[in-house]
Amino acid sequence: MSFDAHPDTYRHWRMRVEGELAWLVLDVDESAGIVPGYELKLNSYDLGVDIELYDATQRLRFEHPEVRTVIVTSGKDRVFCAGANIRMLAASSHEWKVNFCKFTNETRNGMEDATEHSGQTYLAAVNGSCAGGGYELALACDHIVLVDDNSSAVALPEVPLLGVLPGTGGLTRLVDKRRVRKDRADVFATRSDGMRGRPAVQWGLVDEVVPPRRFDEVVRERALEAAERSTRPKDAKGIELTPLRREVDEDGIRYRYVKAAYERDLGLVKITVHASEDENWPLTVTRELDDLILRLRTNETELGTWVFTTAGDPDAVLAQEHRLLNDDSWLGNEIRHYYKRVLKRLDVTSRSLIALIEPGSCFVGMLLELAFACDRQYMLDGPPIDDEDSDERAAIQLTPANFGPFPMGNGLTRLQSRFYGEDVGRLSELDKPVDAVEAADLGLVTEAFDDIDWTDEIRIVLEGRASLSPDALTGMEANHRFVGPETLETKIFARLTAWQNWIFNRPNAAGPDGALRRYGTGQKPVFDRKRV
């Protein structure tokens, strides 16, 4: 599965830029599902539709700095979007469904991130019926305008019709983002016909309803009002997101700065990130990591352990980071937030993440965040394994990058999450490389092994990980990674996704007589009535 896309080859979206406004028009090609076996009727979507949406949101941020408002609407008559395709969901494997939901969630979080941090407001122009994931797409926008044509409605029919949950944050955004009262949210999410017209506004489900004759006029007015509030530059020139250089074969994936090598006997992939002095390195390495994470998640589901290493000159990384963190241009802002989003994608990835810190590595500042995103960190206290006479030793270094610019979904830095409840300000004074012994003493790594024990200890760690239940590991890791305050993001990923994961496996939804399987057959689902 590839995540490559380009507006010239979109099958389901049309992107149109008019100065400070951009239109993303959903016009799904019913016959262009990403896998055979279903038709994408009623502007419903599958992973292929969302890969194009993600590509469009990225291009709007990087290639069109002049765009201040993005209008999401439908190209179909009287249908905005019916949400995730039910036939696709019913026929998909469990891991495909869950990965699909995760990716769509990340894309919608990215839209909200654009509004919050790039001044690029998303506006939903709902010009037809809008159900399930279609309404969740609208909920990810900052403003929702619904056409008042006596038939178009917004709805979350997953619970009453399918026996599952709205999978892309719908329940959470109702009460957390739009502040819909919980009793009204309960009523709304258990009625299959949804709500339309003035009641939808009164309950806070949409921001306004507009008669068809004034719909286009009002949408443009609201878009221009949002654009007026934006801080996006009017005269900046964007940069093109050119295709990534990538080699893929059965042994791994190799990009310019990121290499992934598979070790299938241990069920792991070794990921090496290389430093560079190239001025394009920050954006390129971020794009490569993003692409790699998505490909591994989807295509290599049995490689359950990701081992991160780095290679190169730490000073090169520090210089790149200094320029990036002090770049007050729109592009510098975009790259910083993109790197933040990629780290967040790593945080919610259901794989065991382990960092190996050895001589020759460059785990400093922004690359040290990769290590802190891992579940464990091991550091070699001694010379390189293949050169016992060398004077080279492993070191890590904290920088301002570890104290704020790349927060997790819980709003905390990875250091604050690691040392939850403690004052990590004491660590900001460590303005020097830290060796293995000191790093272990400070709690910055899990353990420091000497060169005599290193190979055997790491082998035991990796073999031990491969012997454990992947399901138990997924649940354990997700719990440990997100300490402290709960946010809209953590609720969506840690709470809603966990419930959906469970419900997708239950016979009430996914069994042969379950609601998801029987939808559209004319047969009622058969439920196990025990509440657990």
Protein backbone atom coordinates (compact mmCIF):
# COMPACT_ATOMS: atom_id res chain seq x y z
CA MET A 1 0.00 0.00 0.00
CA SER A 2 1.36 3.38 -1.00
CA PHE A 3 0.45 6.73 0.53
CA ASP A 4 1.63 8.71 -2.48
CA ALA A 5 -0.90 11.10 -4.00
CA HIS A 6 -1.00 14.24 -6.12
CA PRO A 7 -3.87 16.57 -7.12
CA ASP A 8 -3.30 15.66 -10.77
CA THR A 9 -4.18 12.05 -10.04
CA TYR A 10 -6.88 12.43 -7.38
CA ARG A 11 -9.87 10.16 -8.02
CA HIS A 12 -12.11 11.45 -5.27
CA TRP A 13 -11.27 15.06 -4.45
CA ARG A 14 -10.98 18.27 -6.45
CA MET A 15 -8.76 20.98 -5.00
CA ARG A 16 -9.30 24.52 -6.24
CA VAL A 17 -7.35 27.53 -4.99
CA GLU A 18 -8.68 31.06 -5.45
CA GLY A 19 -6.36 33.47 -3.69
CA GLU A 20 -6.91 33.23 0.05
CA LEU A 21 -9.68 30.64 -0.32
CA ALA A 22 -9.38 26.99 -1.29
CA TRP A 23 -12.12 24.45 -2.04
CA LEU A 24 -11.81 20.75 -1.32
CA VAL A 25 -14.69 19.15 -3.18
CA LEU A 26 -15.51 15.54 -2.32
CA ASP A 27 -16.76 13.79 -5.45
CA VAL A 28 -16.01 10.13 -4.85
CA ASP A 29 -15.49 7.82 -7.79
CA GLU A 30 -17.70 4.90 -6.76
CA SER A 31 -15.71 2.40 -8.80
CA ALA A 32 -12.30 3.43 -7.45
CA GLY A 33 -12.16 1.69 -4.07
CA ILE A 34 -8.62 1.07 -2.89
CA VAL A 35 -9.29 -2.69 -2.78
CA PRO A 36 -11.89 -4.68 -4.77
CA GLY A 37 -15.23 -5.77 -3.35
CA TYR A 38 -17.31 -2.66 -2.74
CA GLU A 39 -18.60 0.51 -4.34
CA LEU A 40 -18.13 3.90 -2.72
CA LYS A 41 -21.74 4.98 -2.98
CA LEU A 42 -23.17 8.18 -1.48
CA ASN A 43 -19.77 9.86 -1.37
CA SER A 44 -18.65 7.30 1.21
CA TYR A 45 -14.95 6.83 1.73
CA ASP A 46 -12.22 4.27 2.24
CA LEU A 47 -8.51 4.57 2.92
CA GLY A 48 -7.82 5.71 -0.66
CA VAL A 49 -10.19 8.66 -0.31
CA ASP A 50 -8.51 9.70 2.92
CA ILE A 51 -5.00 9.34 1.53
CA GLU A 52 -5.96 11.99 -1.02
CA LEU A 53 -7.47 14.19 1.69
CA TYR A 54 -4.29 13.96 3.75
CA ASP A 55 -2.21 14.84 0.71
CA ALA A 56 -4.42 17.86 0.02
CA THR A 57 -4.18 19.16 3.59
CA GLN A 58 -0.40 18.88 3.49
CA ARG A 59 -0.13 20.66 0.14
CA LEU A 60 -2.40 23.47 1.31
CA ARG A 61 -0.09 24.09 4.26
CA PHE A 62 3.21 23.92 2.37
CA GLU A 63 2.43 24.78 -1.26
CA HIS A 64 -0.20 27.47 -0.62
CA PRO A 65 0.77 29.80 2.21
CA GLU A 66 -1.66 32.33 0.71
CA VAL A 67 -4.67 30.11 1.53
CA ARG A 68 -6.37 31.24 4.74
CA THR A 69 -9.67 29.38 4.59
CA VAL A 70 -10.33 25.89 3.27
CA ILE A 71 -13.94 25.08 2.34
CA VAL A 72 -14.82 21.38 2.47
CA THR A 73 -17.91 20.58 0.45
CA SER A 74 -19.46 17.96 -1.82
CA GLY A 75 -19.56 17.71 -5.58
CA LYS A 76 -22.56 15.37 -5.49
CA ASP A 77 -26.19 16.44 -5.63
CA ARG A 78 -27.92 16.42 -2.19
CA VAL A 79 -25.24 14.22 -0.58
CA PHE A 80 -22.36 15.64 1.42
CA CYS A 81 -20.87 12.37 2.65
CA ALA A 82 -22.19 9.09 4.04
CA GLY A 83 -18.99 8.42 5.98
CA ALA A 84 -16.81 5.32 5.95
CA ASN A 85 -18.04 2.76 3.45
CA ILE A 86 -19.99 0.08 5.32
CA ARG A 87 -19.26 -2.72 2.86
CA MET A 88 -15.57 -1.96 3.16
CA LEU A 89 -15.75 -2.04 6.96
CA ALA A 90 -17.74 -5.27 7.04
CA ALA A 91 -15.31 -7.02 4.70
CA SER A 92 -12.06 -5.68 6.15
CA SER A 93 -9.75 -7.46 8.55
CA HIS A 94 -9.67 -6.19 12.11
CA GLU A 95 -6.25 -4.55 11.79
CA TRP A 96 -7.25 -2.85 8.55
CA LYS A 97 -10.35 -1.31 10.16
CA VAL A 98 -8.42 -0.05 13.16
CA ASN A 99 -5.52 1.31 11.09
CA PHE A 100 -8.02 3.01 8.79
CA CYS A 101 -9.72 4.70 11.73
CA LYS A 102 -6.37 5.78 13.16
CA PHE A 103 -5.24 7.38 9.90
CA THR A 104 -8.54 9.20 9.37
CA ASN A 105 -8.34 10.47 12.95
CA GLU A 106 -4.83 11.78 12.41
CA THR A 107 -5.90 13.55 9.23
CA ARG A 108 -8.81 15.28 10.94
CA ASN A 109 -6.59 16.24 13.88
CA GLY A 110 -4.22 17.70 11.30
CA MET A 111 -7.01 19.90 9.93
CA GLU A 112 -7.64 21.27 13.41
CA ASP A 113 -3.89 21.71 13.89
CA ALA A 114 -3.83 23.83 10.70
CA THR A 115 -6.54 26.07 12.11
CA GLU A 116 -4.87 26.41 15.50
CA HIS A 117 -1.26 26.80 14.43
CA SER A 118 -1.22 27.91 10.78
CA GLY A 119 -4.17 30.26 10.60
CA GLN A 120 -5.74 28.07 7.94
CA THR A 121 -9.38 27.70 9.00
CA TYR A 122 -11.47 24.78 7.74
CA LEU A 123 -15.14 25.45 6.98
CA ALA A 124 -17.65 22.70 6.21
CA ALA A 125 -20.20 23.66 3.57
CA VAL A 126 -22.65 20.80 4.09
CA ASN A 127 -24.74 20.84 0.94
CA GLY A 128 -26.61 17.55 1.42
CA SER A 129 -27.16 14.64 3.77
CA CYS A 130 -24.24 14.21 6.12
CA ALA A 131 -23.94 11.04 8.17
CA GLY A 132 -21.41 9.15 10.26
CA GLY A 133 -17.87 9.83 9.13
CA GLY A 134 -19.26 12.53 6.86
CA TYR A 135 -20.50 14.46 9.87
CA GLU A 136 -17.23 13.68 11.67
CA LEU A 137 -15.39 15.29 8.76
CA ALA A 138 -17.56 18.38 9.23
CA LEU A 139 -16.95 18.28 13.00
CA ALA A 140 -13.21 18.54 12.35
CA CYS A 141 -13.87 21.89 10.68
CA ASP A 142 -14.06 25.11 12.65
CA HIS A 143 -17.44 26.19 11.28
CA ILE A 144 -20.35 24.16 9.86
CA VAL A 145 -22.93 25.62 7.47
CA LEU A 146 -25.82 23.25 6.67
CA VAL A 147 -28.13 23.74 3.72
CA ASP A 148 -31.76 24.09 4.86
CA ASP A 149 -33.59 22.18 2.14
CA ASN A 150 -36.00 20.23 4.41
CA SER A 151 -34.13 16.99 3.80
CA SER A 152 -30.42 17.47 4.49
CA ALA A 153 -29.46 16.41 8.00
CA VAL A 154 -26.45 15.66 10.13
CA ALA A 155 -26.33 12.28 11.83
CA LEU A 156 -24.20 9.81 13.75
CA PRO A 157 -26.06 6.56 13.05
CA GLU A 158 -23.28 4.11 13.96
CA VAL A 159 -24.74 2.99 17.30
CA PRO A 160 -28.36 2.44 16.16
CA LEU A 161 -27.61 1.04 12.71
CA LEU A 162 -24.21 -0.64 12.84
CA GLY A 163 -23.57 -1.57 16.46
CA VAL A 164 -20.23 0.28 16.46
CA LEU A 165 -19.08 3.77 17.44
CA PRO A 166 -18.45 6.80 15.27
CA GLY A 167 -14.77 6.04 14.61
CA THR A 168 -13.28 9.42 13.90
CA GLY A 169 -13.87 11.41 17.03
CA GLY A 170 -17.55 12.19 16.53
CA LEU A 171 -18.68 11.43 20.07
CA THR A 172 -15.73 13.29 21.57
CA ARG A 173 -16.08 16.38 19.40
CA LEU A 174 -19.80 16.62 20.15
CA VAL A 175 -19.30 17.16 23.86
CA ASP A 176 -15.71 18.45 24.04
CA LYS A 177 -15.43 20.70 21.02
CA ARG A 178 -18.98 21.76 20.26
CA ARG A 179 -20.13 21.56 23.91
CA VAL A 180 -23.33 19.67 23.10
CA ARG A 181 -25.07 18.73 26.34
CA LYS A 182 -24.50 15.07 27.20
CA ASP A 183 -28.23 14.20 27.27
CA ARG A 184 -28.70 15.77 23.85
CA ALA A 185 -25.56 14.04 22.59
CA ASP A 186 -27.02 10.74 23.83
CA VAL A 187 -30.29 11.37 21.99
CA PHE A 188 -28.53 12.48 18.82
CA ALA A 189 -26.10 9.54 18.69
CA THR A 190 -28.87 6.96 19.15
CA ARG A 191 -31.26 8.16 16.45
CA SER A 192 -30.52 7.04 12.94
CA ASP A 193 -32.27 9.89 11.13
CA GLY A 194 -30.16 12.68 12.60
CA MET A 195 -31.28 16.28 12.88
CA ARG A 196 -31.76 19.14 10.45
CA GLY A 197 -32.81 22.76 10.31
CA ARG A 198 -33.15 25.07 13.27
CA PRO A 199 -33.03 22.28 15.95
CA ALA A 200 -29.59 21.28 14.69
CA VAL A 201 -28.41 24.84 15.33
CA GLN A 202 -30.13 25.04 18.72
CA TRP A 203 -28.44 21.87 19.88
CA GLY A 204 -25.05 23.10 18.63
CA LEU A 205 -24.68 20.38 16.01
CA VAL A 206 -24.07 22.96 13.27
CA ASP A 207 -23.37 26.68 13.37
CA GLU A 208 -26.02 27.86 10.96
CA VAL A 209 -28.56 26.64 8.44
CA VAL A 210 -29.00 28.53 5.21
CA PRO A 211 -31.62 28.21 2.47
CA PRO A 212 -30.32 26.79 -0.81
CA ARG A 213 -30.67 30.08 -2.69
CA ARG A 214 -28.24 31.82 -0.30
CA PHE A 215 -26.00 28.86 0.50
CA ASP A 216 -23.05 29.68 -1.79
CA GLU A 217 -23.20 33.37 -0.84
CA VAL A 218 -23.15 32.71 2.91
CA VAL A 219 -20.40 30.10 2.65
CA ARG A 220 -18.20 32.57 0.80
CA GLU A 221 -19.00 35.32 3.32
CA ARG A 222 -18.03 33.09 6.25
CA ALA A 223 -14.89 31.94 4.48
CA LEU A 224 -13.80 35.51 3.83
CA GLU A 225 -14.53 36.47 7.44
CA ALA A 226 -12.31 33.63 8.64
CA ALA A 227 -9.63 34.62 6.15
CA GLU A 228 -9.67 38.16 7.50
CA ARG A 229 -8.75 36.84 10.95
CA SER A 230 -5.86 34.73 9.67
CA THR A 231 -2.18 35.46 10.16
CA ARG A 232 -1.11 33.53 7.04
CA PRO A 233 1.19 35.63 4.82
CA LYS A 234 -0.43 37.11 1.71
CA ASP A 235 2.67 37.43 -0.42
CA ALA A 236 4.66 34.30 0.45
CA LYS A 237 5.57 31.70 -2.14
CA GLY A 238 4.96 28.07 -1.28
CA ILE A 239 7.26 25.13 -1.79
CA GLU A 240 6.36 22.08 -3.83
CA LEU A 241 6.13 18.73 -2.05
CA THR A 242 7.98 16.72 -4.67
CA PRO A 243 7.87 12.89 -4.70
CA LEU A 244 10.07 11.25 -2.09
CA ARG A 245 13.15 9.31 -3.18
CA ARG A 246 12.46 5.79 -1.97
CA GLU A 247 13.61 2.22 -2.58
CA VAL A 248 11.35 -0.59 -1.38
CA ASP A 249 12.09 -4.31 -1.41
CA GLU A 250 11.47 -7.34 0.78
CA ASP A 251 14.36 -6.42 3.07
CA GLY A 252 13.25 -2.90 3.90
CA ILE A 253 12.73 0.69 2.79
CA ARG A 254 15.48 3.19 2.09
CA TYR A 255 14.98 6.93 1.78
CA ARG A 256 17.62 9.62 1.56
CA TYR A 257 18.00 10.08 5.33
CA VAL A 258 15.90 7.28 6.83
CA LYS A 259 16.60 3.57 6.44
CA ALA A 260 14.40 0.70 7.60
CA ALA A 261 15.79 -2.85 7.64
CA TYR A 262 13.52 -5.81 8.43
CA GLU A 263 14.53 -8.67 10.73
CA ARG A 264 11.51 -10.91 10.29
CA ASP A 265 12.77 -13.72 12.51
CA LEU A 266 12.53 -11.35 15.49
CA GLY A 267 9.48 -9.53 14.13
CA LEU A 268 11.26 -6.19 14.16
CA VAL A 269 12.40 -3.39 11.93
CA LYS A 270 15.53 -1.37 12.60
CA ILE A 271 15.02 2.29 11.69
CA THR A 272 18.08 4.51 11.30
CA VAL A 273 17.79 8.28 10.96
CA HIS A 274 20.85 9.98 9.47
CA ALA A 275 21.93 13.55 10.22
CA SER A 276 22.85 15.99 7.46
CA GLU A 277 23.94 19.57 6.97
CA ASP A 278 21.69 19.91 3.91
CA GLU A 279 19.38 22.90 4.43
CA ASN A 280 16.40 20.81 3.28
CA TRP A 281 17.07 18.08 5.86
CA PRO A 282 14.44 19.08 8.47
CA LEU A 283 11.51 18.89 6.05
CA THR A 284 12.85 15.93 4.07
CA VAL A 285 13.60 13.75 7.09
CA THR A 286 10.17 14.61 8.53
CA ARG A 287 8.42 13.57 5.31
CA GLU A 288 10.46 10.36 5.17
CA LEU A 289 9.60 9.43 8.75
CA ASP A 290 5.94 10.18 8.12
CA ASP A 291 5.84 8.00 5.01
CA LEU A 292 7.74 5.18 6.71
CA ILE A 293 5.43 5.08 9.74
CA LEU A 294 2.34 4.90 7.52
CA ARG A 295 3.80 2.19 5.30
CA LEU A 296 5.01 0.02 8.19
CA ARG A 297 1.71 0.32 10.01
CA THR A 298 -0.27 -0.78 6.97
CA ASN A 299 2.04 -3.15 5.11
CA GLU A 300 4.10 -4.78 7.86
CA THR A 301 1.65 -5.56 10.64
CA GLU A 302 3.69 -8.48 12.01
CA LEU A 303 6.84 -6.42 12.56
CA GLY A 304 5.78 -5.57 16.09
CA THR A 305 8.98 -3.96 17.39
CA TRP A 306 10.53 -0.84 15.91
CA VAL A 307 14.14 -0.24 16.94
CA PHE A 308 15.30 3.36 16.45
CA THR A 309 18.93 4.34 15.95
CA THR A 310 20.55 7.51 14.62
CA ALA A 311 23.82 8.11 12.80
CA GLY A 312 25.90 11.16 12.02
CA ASP A 313 27.32 14.33 13.49
CA PRO A 314 25.42 15.60 16.57
CA ASP A 315 26.62 19.14 15.81
CA ALA A 316 24.89 18.99 12.42
CA VAL A 317 21.61 18.14 14.14
CA LEU A 318 22.09 20.91 16.69
CA ALA A 319 22.77 23.43 13.93
CA GLN A 320 19.69 22.33 11.97
CA GLU A 321 17.56 22.52 15.09
CA HIS A 322 18.86 25.98 16.02
CA ARG A 323 17.91 27.30 12.60
CA LEU A 324 14.50 25.62 12.70
CA LEU A 325 13.53 26.77 16.18
CA ASN A 326 14.59 30.33 15.44
CA ASP A 327 12.98 30.53 12.02
CA ASP A 328 9.98 32.87 12.39
CA SER A 329 8.85 32.44 8.77
CA TRP A 330 5.63 30.68 7.84
CA LEU A 331 7.68 27.77 6.44
CA GLY A 332 9.68 27.34 9.62
CA ASN A 333 6.39 27.26 11.53
CA GLU A 334 4.99 24.62 9.18
CA ILE A 335 8.04 22.36 9.45
CA ARG A 336 8.04 22.54 13.24
CA HIS A 337 4.37 21.59 13.44
CA TYR A 338 4.81 18.86 10.84
CA TYR A 339 7.63 17.30 12.87
CA LYS A 340 5.37 17.57 15.94
CA ARG A 341 2.57 15.73 14.11
CA VAL A 342 4.93 12.96 12.96
CA LEU A 343 6.12 12.44 16.54
CA LYS A 344 2.47 12.28 17.59
CA ARG A 345 1.86 9.67 14.89
CA LEU A 346 4.64 7.67 16.47
CA ASP A 347 3.13 8.12 19.93
CA VAL A 348 -0.13 6.47 18.86
CA THR A 349 1.44 3.70 16.81
CA SER A 350 0.62 0.23 18.13
CA ARG A 351 4.16 -1.11 18.00
CA SER A 352 6.81 -1.61 20.68
CA LEU A 353 9.28 1.26 20.27
CA ILE A 354 12.87 0.84 21.46
CA ALA A 355 15.80 3.24 21.06
CA LEU A 356 19.41 1.99 20.93
CA ILE A 357 21.93 4.73 21.69
CA GLU A 358 25.44 3.74 20.60
CA PRO A 359 28.70 5.52 19.70
CA GLY A 360 28.27 7.30 16.38
CA SER A 361 24.65 8.15 17.07
CA CYS A 362 23.22 11.66 17.20
CA PHE A 363 20.34 11.50 19.67
CA VAL A 364 20.39 15.20 20.49
CA GLY A 365 17.53 17.69 20.77
CA MET A 366 14.90 17.10 18.11
CA LEU A 367 16.21 13.60 17.32
CA LEU A 368 16.32 12.79 21.03
CA GLU A 369 12.54 13.25 20.92
CA LEU A 370 12.45 10.05 18.85
CA ALA A 371 14.14 8.21 21.70
CA PHE A 372 11.78 9.74 24.28
CA ALA A 373 8.82 8.64 22.15
CA CYS A 374 10.07 5.07 22.56
CA ASP A 375 8.86 2.74 25.29
CA ARG A 376 12.45 1.98 26.32
CA GLN A 377 15.91 3.43 25.69
CA TYR A 378 19.16 1.45 25.96
CA MET A 379 22.56 3.17 25.90
CA LEU A 380 25.95 1.57 25.35
CA ASP A 381 28.51 2.40 28.05
CA GLY A 382 31.74 1.65 26.20
CA PRO A 383 33.40 1.69 22.79
CA PRO A 384 31.65 0.67 19.57
CA ILE A 385 30.96 -3.08 19.52
CA ASP A 386 32.97 -3.54 16.35
CA ASP A 387 35.96 -1.43 17.50
CA GLU A 388 36.98 -2.03 21.11
CA ASP A 389 40.07 0.19 20.78
CA SER A 390 38.06 3.26 19.81
CA ASP A 391 37.79 6.25 22.13
CA GLU A 392 34.34 7.08 20.79
CA ARG A 393 31.49 6.94 23.32
CA ALA A 394 27.76 7.37 23.09
CA ALA A 395 26.20 10.61 24.34
CA ILE A 396 22.84 12.33 24.32
CA GLN A 397 22.11 16.03 24.69
CA LEU A 398 19.02 17.89 25.80
CA THR A 399 18.19 21.15 24.05
CA PRO A 400 15.23 23.58 23.93
CA ALA A 401 13.62 21.13 21.48
CA ASN A 402 12.93 18.82 24.43
CA PHE A 403 11.11 21.45 26.48
CA GLY A 404 8.15 22.64 24.45
CA PRO A 405 8.01 22.88 20.65
CA PHE A 406 6.99 19.26 20.00
CA PRO A 407 4.33 18.38 22.62
CA MET A 408 2.43 15.10 22.80
CA GLY A 409 -1.31 14.82 22.36
CA ASN A 410 -1.77 15.21 26.13
CA GLY A 411 -0.26 18.69 25.88
CA LEU A 412 2.89 17.67 27.79
CA THR A 413 6.43 17.35 26.51
CA ARG A 414 7.83 13.84 26.35
CA LEU A 415 10.12 14.74 29.26
CA GLN A 416 7.12 15.91 31.32
CA SER A 417 5.32 12.68 30.47
CA ARG A 418 8.41 10.62 31.32
CA PHE A 419 8.86 12.32 34.69
CA TYR A 420 5.17 12.98 35.33
CA GLY A 421 4.65 15.01 38.46
CA GLU A 422 8.30 16.04 38.72
CA ASP A 423 9.90 19.35 37.82
CA VAL A 424 11.84 18.77 34.60
CA GLY A 425 13.15 22.33 34.63
CA ARG A 426 16.24 20.98 36.44
CA LEU A 427 17.16 19.15 33.23
CA SER A 428 17.13 22.32 31.12
CA GLU A 429 20.43 23.30 32.75
CA LEU A 430 22.17 20.26 31.25
CA ASP A 431 23.70 22.18 28.38
CA LYS A 432 26.25 19.50 27.49
CA PRO A 433 26.54 15.95 26.15
CA VAL A 434 25.51 13.34 28.72
CA ASP A 435 27.26 9.97 28.80
CA ALA A 436 25.67 6.60 29.47
CA VAL A 437 26.24 6.44 33.21
CA GLU A 438 24.94 9.95 33.84
CA ALA A 439 21.99 9.41 31.49
CA ALA A 440 21.00 6.30 33.45
CA ASP A 441 21.44 8.13 36.77
CA LEU A 442 19.23 10.98 35.54
CA GLY A 443 16.57 8.56 34.31
CA LEU A 444 16.94 9.66 30.70
CA VAL A 445 17.50 6.07 29.51
CA THR A 446 16.10 2.77 30.71
CA GLU A 447 19.47 1.09 31.19
CA ALA A 448 23.13 1.51 30.26
CA PHE A 449 24.94 -1.74 29.40
CA ASP A 450 28.69 -2.02 28.99
CA ASP A 451 30.23 -3.28 25.77
CA ILE A 452 30.76 -6.78 27.21
CA ASP A 453 27.07 -7.31 27.94
CA TRP A 454 25.54 -5.10 25.23
CA THR A 455 24.93 -7.64 22.48
CA ASP A 456 23.46 -10.32 24.75
CA GLU A 457 21.33 -7.89 26.77
CA ILE A 458 19.83 -6.28 23.68
CA ARG A 459 19.19 -9.70 22.15
CA ILE A 460 17.37 -10.78 25.31
CA VAL A 461 15.26 -7.59 25.26
CA LEU A 462 14.24 -8.04 21.63
CA GLU A 463 13.60 -11.77 21.89
CA GLY A 464 11.59 -11.21 25.06
CA ARG A 465 9.45 -8.59 23.35
CA ALA A 466 8.77 -10.89 20.43
CA SER A 467 7.51 -13.59 22.79
CA LEU A 468 4.74 -11.47 24.38
CA SER A 469 1.13 -11.07 23.31
CA PRO A 470 0.85 -8.27 20.74
CA ASP A 471 -2.63 -7.40 22.00
CA ALA A 472 -1.49 -7.04 25.61
CA LEU A 473 1.52 -5.00 24.50
CA THR A 474 -0.68 -2.64 22.49
CA GLY A 475 -2.89 -1.95 25.48
CA MET A 476 0.00 -1.67 27.90
CA GLU A 477 2.06 0.69 25.76
CA ALA A 478 -0.88 2.98 25.00
CA ASN A 479 -1.61 3.27 28.72
CA HIS A 480 1.97 4.01 29.69
CA ARG A 481 2.61 6.56 26.95
CA PHE A 482 -0.22 8.91 27.85
CA VAL A 483 -0.02 10.03 31.44
CA GLY A 484 -1.64 13.02 33.04
CA PRO A 485 -4.24 15.33 31.53
CA GLU A 486 -6.75 14.08 29.02
CA THR A 487 -7.36 16.14 25.90
CA LEU A 488 -9.58 15.82 22.86
CA GLU A 489 -6.70 14.01 21.12
CA THR A 490 -6.02 11.53 23.91
CA LYS A 491 -9.73 10.83 24.33
CA ILE A 492 -10.01 10.03 20.64
CA PHE A 493 -6.93 7.81 20.52
CA ALA A 494 -6.71 6.29 23.99
CA ARG A 495 -10.36 6.02 24.96
CA LEU A 496 -12.51 6.03 21.82
CA THR A 497 -10.10 3.95 19.74
CA ALA A 498 -9.70 1.41 22.51
CA TRP A 499 -13.47 0.99 22.77
CA GLN A 500 -13.83 0.78 19.01
CA ASN A 501 -11.04 -1.80 18.89
CA TRP A 502 -12.99 -3.94 21.36
CA ILE A 503 -16.37 -3.39 19.70
CA PHE A 504 -14.97 -4.27 16.26
CA ASN A 505 -14.11 -7.71 17.69
CA ARG A 506 -17.43 -8.34 19.41
CA PRO A 507 -20.09 -10.56 17.79
CA ASN A 508 -22.73 -7.86 18.35
CA ALA A 509 -20.97 -5.84 15.67
CA ALA A 510 -18.64 -8.05 13.66
CA GLY A 511 -20.14 -11.52 14.18
CA PRO A 512 -22.11 -13.22 11.36
CA ASP A 513 -25.38 -12.02 12.92
CA GLY A 514 -23.95 -8.70 14.13
CA ALA A 515 -25.23 -5.28 13.17
CA LEU A 516 -22.27 -4.41 10.95
CA ARG A 517 -22.58 -7.64 8.96
CA ARG A 518 -26.37 -7.51 8.64
CA TYR A 519 -26.60 -3.85 7.67
CA GLY A 520 -28.41 -3.52 4.34
CA THR A 521 -29.52 -7.17 4.25
CA GLY A 522 -33.04 -6.58 5.57
CA GLN A 523 -32.30 -8.83 8.55
CA LYS A 524 -32.20 -7.58 12.12
CA PRO A 525 -28.98 -8.12 14.06
CA VAL A 526 -28.91 -10.66 16.87
CA PHE A 527 -27.39 -9.21 20.02
CA ASP A 528 -25.85 -10.87 23.03
CA ARG A 529 -27.82 -8.89 25.62
CA LYS A 530 -25.37 -9.25 28.50
CA ARG A 531 -23.84 -5.88 29.44
CA VAL A 532 -20.17 -6.23 30.40
